[in-house]
């Protein structure tokens, strides 16, 4: 499993928590930061999946 997939999942989870805290406290800045971090995590995870797929294709 690619390192980017693991880091992306962690960043996505952290962003979700931050977004929820922002919603609960009414802090729009924290909520927006959480959404952005969650999106960054999704992108990083996608990059990791692509790297895994490329590596698997080369092994065949």
N, C-alpha and C. Protein backbone atom coordinates (compact mmCIF):
# COMPACT_ATOMS: atom_id res chain seq x y z
N UNK A 1 0.85 -1.17 0.00
CA UNK A 1 0.00 0.00 0.00
C UNK A 1 0.89 1.24 0.00
N UNK A 2 0.55 2.16 -0.84
CA UNK A 2 1.33 3.38 -1.00
C UNK A 2 1.18 4.29 0.23
N UNK A 3 2.27 4.95 0.58
CA UNK A 3 2.30 5.86 1.73
C UNK A 3 1.27 6.97 1.57
N UNK A 4 1.05 7.42 0.35
CA UNK A 4 0.08 8.49 0.10
C UNK A 4 -1.35 8.07 0.47
N UNK A 5 -1.66 6.82 0.28
CA UNK A 5 -3.01 6.35 0.65
C UNK A 5 -3.21 6.43 2.15
N UNK A 6 -2.21 6.05 2.91
CA UNK A 6 -2.32 6.07 4.37
C UNK A 6 -2.38 7.51 4.87
N UNK A 7 -1.48 8.33 4.39
CA UNK A 7 -1.46 9.73 4.81
C UNK A 7 -2.73 10.46 4.37
N UNK A 8 -3.22 10.13 3.20
CA UNK A 8 -4.45 10.75 2.69
C UNK A 8 -5.65 10.40 3.56
N UNK A 9 -5.74 9.15 3.97
CA UNK A 9 -6.84 8.73 4.83
C UNK A 9 -6.78 9.43 6.18
N UNK A 10 -5.58 9.58 6.71
CA UNK A 10 -5.41 10.27 7.99
C UNK A 10 -5.79 11.74 7.86
N UNK A 11 -5.35 12.37 6.79
CA UNK A 11 -5.66 13.79 6.57
C UNK A 11 -7.16 13.98 6.37
N UNK A 12 -7.78 13.05 5.66
CA UNK A 12 -9.22 13.13 5.42
C UNK A 12 -9.99 13.02 6.75
N UNK A 13 -9.57 12.09 7.60
CA UNK A 13 -10.23 11.92 8.90
C UNK A 13 -10.04 13.16 9.77
N UNK A 14 -8.83 13.69 9.78
CA UNK A 14 -8.55 14.90 10.56
C UNK A 14 -9.39 16.07 10.06
N UNK A 15 -9.53 16.19 8.76
CA UNK A 15 -10.34 17.25 8.17
C UNK A 15 -11.81 17.11 8.54
N UNK A 16 -12.30 15.88 8.57
CA UNK A 16 -13.69 15.64 8.95
C UNK A 16 -13.95 16.08 10.38
N UNK A 17 -13.02 15.75 11.27
CA UNK A 17 -13.16 16.14 12.67
C UNK A 17 -13.12 17.66 12.79
N UNK A 18 -12.18 18.28 12.11
CA UNK A 18 -12.05 19.73 12.17
C UNK A 18 -13.30 20.42 11.62
N UNK A 19 -13.85 19.88 10.55
CA UNK A 19 -15.07 20.44 9.97
C UNK A 19 -16.23 20.32 10.96
N UNK A 20 -16.35 19.17 11.61
CA UNK A 20 -17.43 18.97 12.58
C UNK A 20 -17.29 19.92 13.77
N UNK A 21 -16.07 20.12 14.23
CA UNK A 21 -15.84 21.05 15.34
C UNK A 21 -16.24 22.46 14.91
N UNK A 22 -15.88 22.83 13.71
CA UNK A 22 -16.25 24.15 13.19
C UNK A 22 -17.75 24.34 13.13
N UNK A 23 -18.46 23.29 12.71
CA UNK A 23 -19.93 23.37 12.65
C UNK A 23 -20.53 23.49 14.04
N UNK A 24 -20.01 22.70 14.98
CA UNK A 24 -20.55 22.72 16.33
C UNK A 24 -20.33 24.06 17.03
N UNK A 25 -19.16 24.64 16.79
CA UNK A 25 -18.84 25.90 17.47
C UNK A 25 -19.30 27.12 16.68
N UNK A 26 -19.74 26.91 15.45
CA UNK A 26 -20.17 28.03 14.62
C UNK A 26 -18.99 28.80 14.04
N UNK A 27 -17.82 28.18 14.06
CA UNK A 27 -16.61 28.82 13.54
C UNK A 27 -16.46 28.46 12.06
N UNK A 28 -16.81 29.39 11.19
CA UNK A 28 -16.78 29.14 9.75
C UNK A 28 -15.36 28.92 9.23
N UNK A 29 -14.38 29.58 9.84
CA UNK A 29 -12.99 29.41 9.41
C UNK A 29 -12.52 27.98 9.65
N UNK A 30 -12.77 27.47 10.84
CA UNK A 30 -12.37 26.11 11.17
C UNK A 30 -13.11 25.10 10.29
N UNK A 31 -14.38 25.36 10.05
CA UNK A 31 -15.17 24.49 9.19
C UNK A 31 -14.59 24.46 7.78
N UNK A 32 -14.25 25.62 7.24
CA UNK A 32 -13.68 25.69 5.89
C UNK A 32 -12.31 25.01 5.83
N UNK A 33 -11.49 25.20 6.87
CA UNK A 33 -10.18 24.54 6.91
C UNK A 33 -10.36 23.02 6.92
N UNK A 34 -11.35 22.56 7.66
CA UNK A 34 -11.62 21.12 7.72
C UNK A 34 -12.04 20.57 6.37
N UNK A 35 -12.91 21.30 5.69
CA UNK A 35 -13.35 20.87 4.35
C UNK A 35 -12.17 20.80 3.39
N UNK A 36 -11.31 21.82 3.45
CA UNK A 36 -10.14 21.85 2.56
C UNK A 36 -9.20 20.69 2.87
N UNK A 37 -8.98 20.43 4.16
CA UNK A 37 -8.07 19.35 4.55
C UNK A 37 -8.64 17.99 4.14
N UNK A 38 -9.95 17.86 4.25
CA UNK A 38 -10.61 16.61 3.84
C UNK A 38 -10.43 16.40 2.34
N UNK A 39 -10.58 17.45 1.57
CA UNK A 39 -10.41 17.36 0.12
C UNK A 39 -8.96 17.02 -0.23
N UNK A 40 -8.02 17.65 0.45
CA UNK A 40 -6.61 17.33 0.21
C UNK A 40 -6.34 15.86 0.50
N UNK A 41 -6.94 15.33 1.54
CA UNK A 41 -6.77 13.92 1.88
C UNK A 41 -7.33 13.00 0.80
N UNK A 42 -8.48 13.37 0.25
CA UNK A 42 -9.07 12.57 -0.82
C UNK A 42 -8.16 12.56 -2.05
N UNK A 43 -7.61 13.72 -2.39
CA UNK A 43 -6.72 13.80 -3.54
C UNK A 43 -5.46 12.98 -3.30
N UNK A 44 -4.88 13.11 -2.11
CA UNK A 44 -3.67 12.36 -1.79
C UNK A 44 -3.95 10.86 -1.83
N UNK A 45 -5.10 10.44 -1.36
CA UNK A 45 -5.47 9.03 -1.41
C UNK A 45 -5.61 8.54 -2.84
N UNK A 46 -6.17 9.37 -3.70
CA UNK A 46 -6.33 9.02 -5.10
C UNK A 46 -4.96 8.85 -5.78
N UNK A 47 -4.04 9.74 -5.44
CA UNK A 47 -2.68 9.63 -5.97
C UNK A 47 -2.05 8.31 -5.53
N UNK A 48 -2.26 7.97 -4.28
CA UNK A 48 -1.73 6.70 -3.76
C UNK A 48 -2.33 5.50 -4.46
N UNK A 49 -3.62 5.55 -4.73
CA UNK A 49 -4.28 4.44 -5.44
C UNK A 49 -3.71 4.30 -6.85
N UNK A 50 -3.45 5.43 -7.50
CA UNK A 50 -2.88 5.40 -8.85
C UNK A 50 -1.47 4.81 -8.81
N UNK A 51 -0.71 5.17 -7.81
CA UNK A 51 0.65 4.64 -7.68
C UNK A 51 0.61 3.14 -7.44
N UNK A 52 -0.32 2.69 -6.60
CA UNK A 52 -0.47 1.25 -6.37
C UNK A 52 -0.85 0.52 -7.65
N UNK A 53 -1.78 1.10 -8.40
CA UNK A 53 -2.22 0.47 -9.64
C UNK A 53 -1.06 0.39 -10.65
N UNK A 54 -0.27 1.45 -10.74
CA UNK A 54 0.87 1.45 -11.66
C UNK A 54 1.90 0.40 -11.24
N UNK A 55 2.16 0.33 -9.95
CA UNK A 55 3.13 -0.65 -9.44
C UNK A 55 2.64 -2.08 -9.72
N UNK A 56 1.35 -2.32 -9.50
CA UNK A 56 0.78 -3.65 -9.75
C UNK A 56 0.83 -4.00 -11.23
N UNK A 57 0.59 -3.02 -12.09
CA UNK A 57 0.62 -3.26 -13.52
C UNK A 57 2.04 -3.61 -13.98
N UNK A 58 3.03 -2.98 -13.38
CA UNK A 58 4.42 -3.26 -13.76
C UNK A 58 4.87 -4.63 -13.29
N UNK A 59 4.28 -5.13 -12.23
CA UNK A 59 4.65 -6.45 -11.71
C UNK A 59 4.15 -7.59 -12.58
N UNK A 60 3.10 -7.32 -13.37
CA UNK A 60 2.50 -8.37 -14.20
C UNK A 60 3.24 -8.61 -15.46
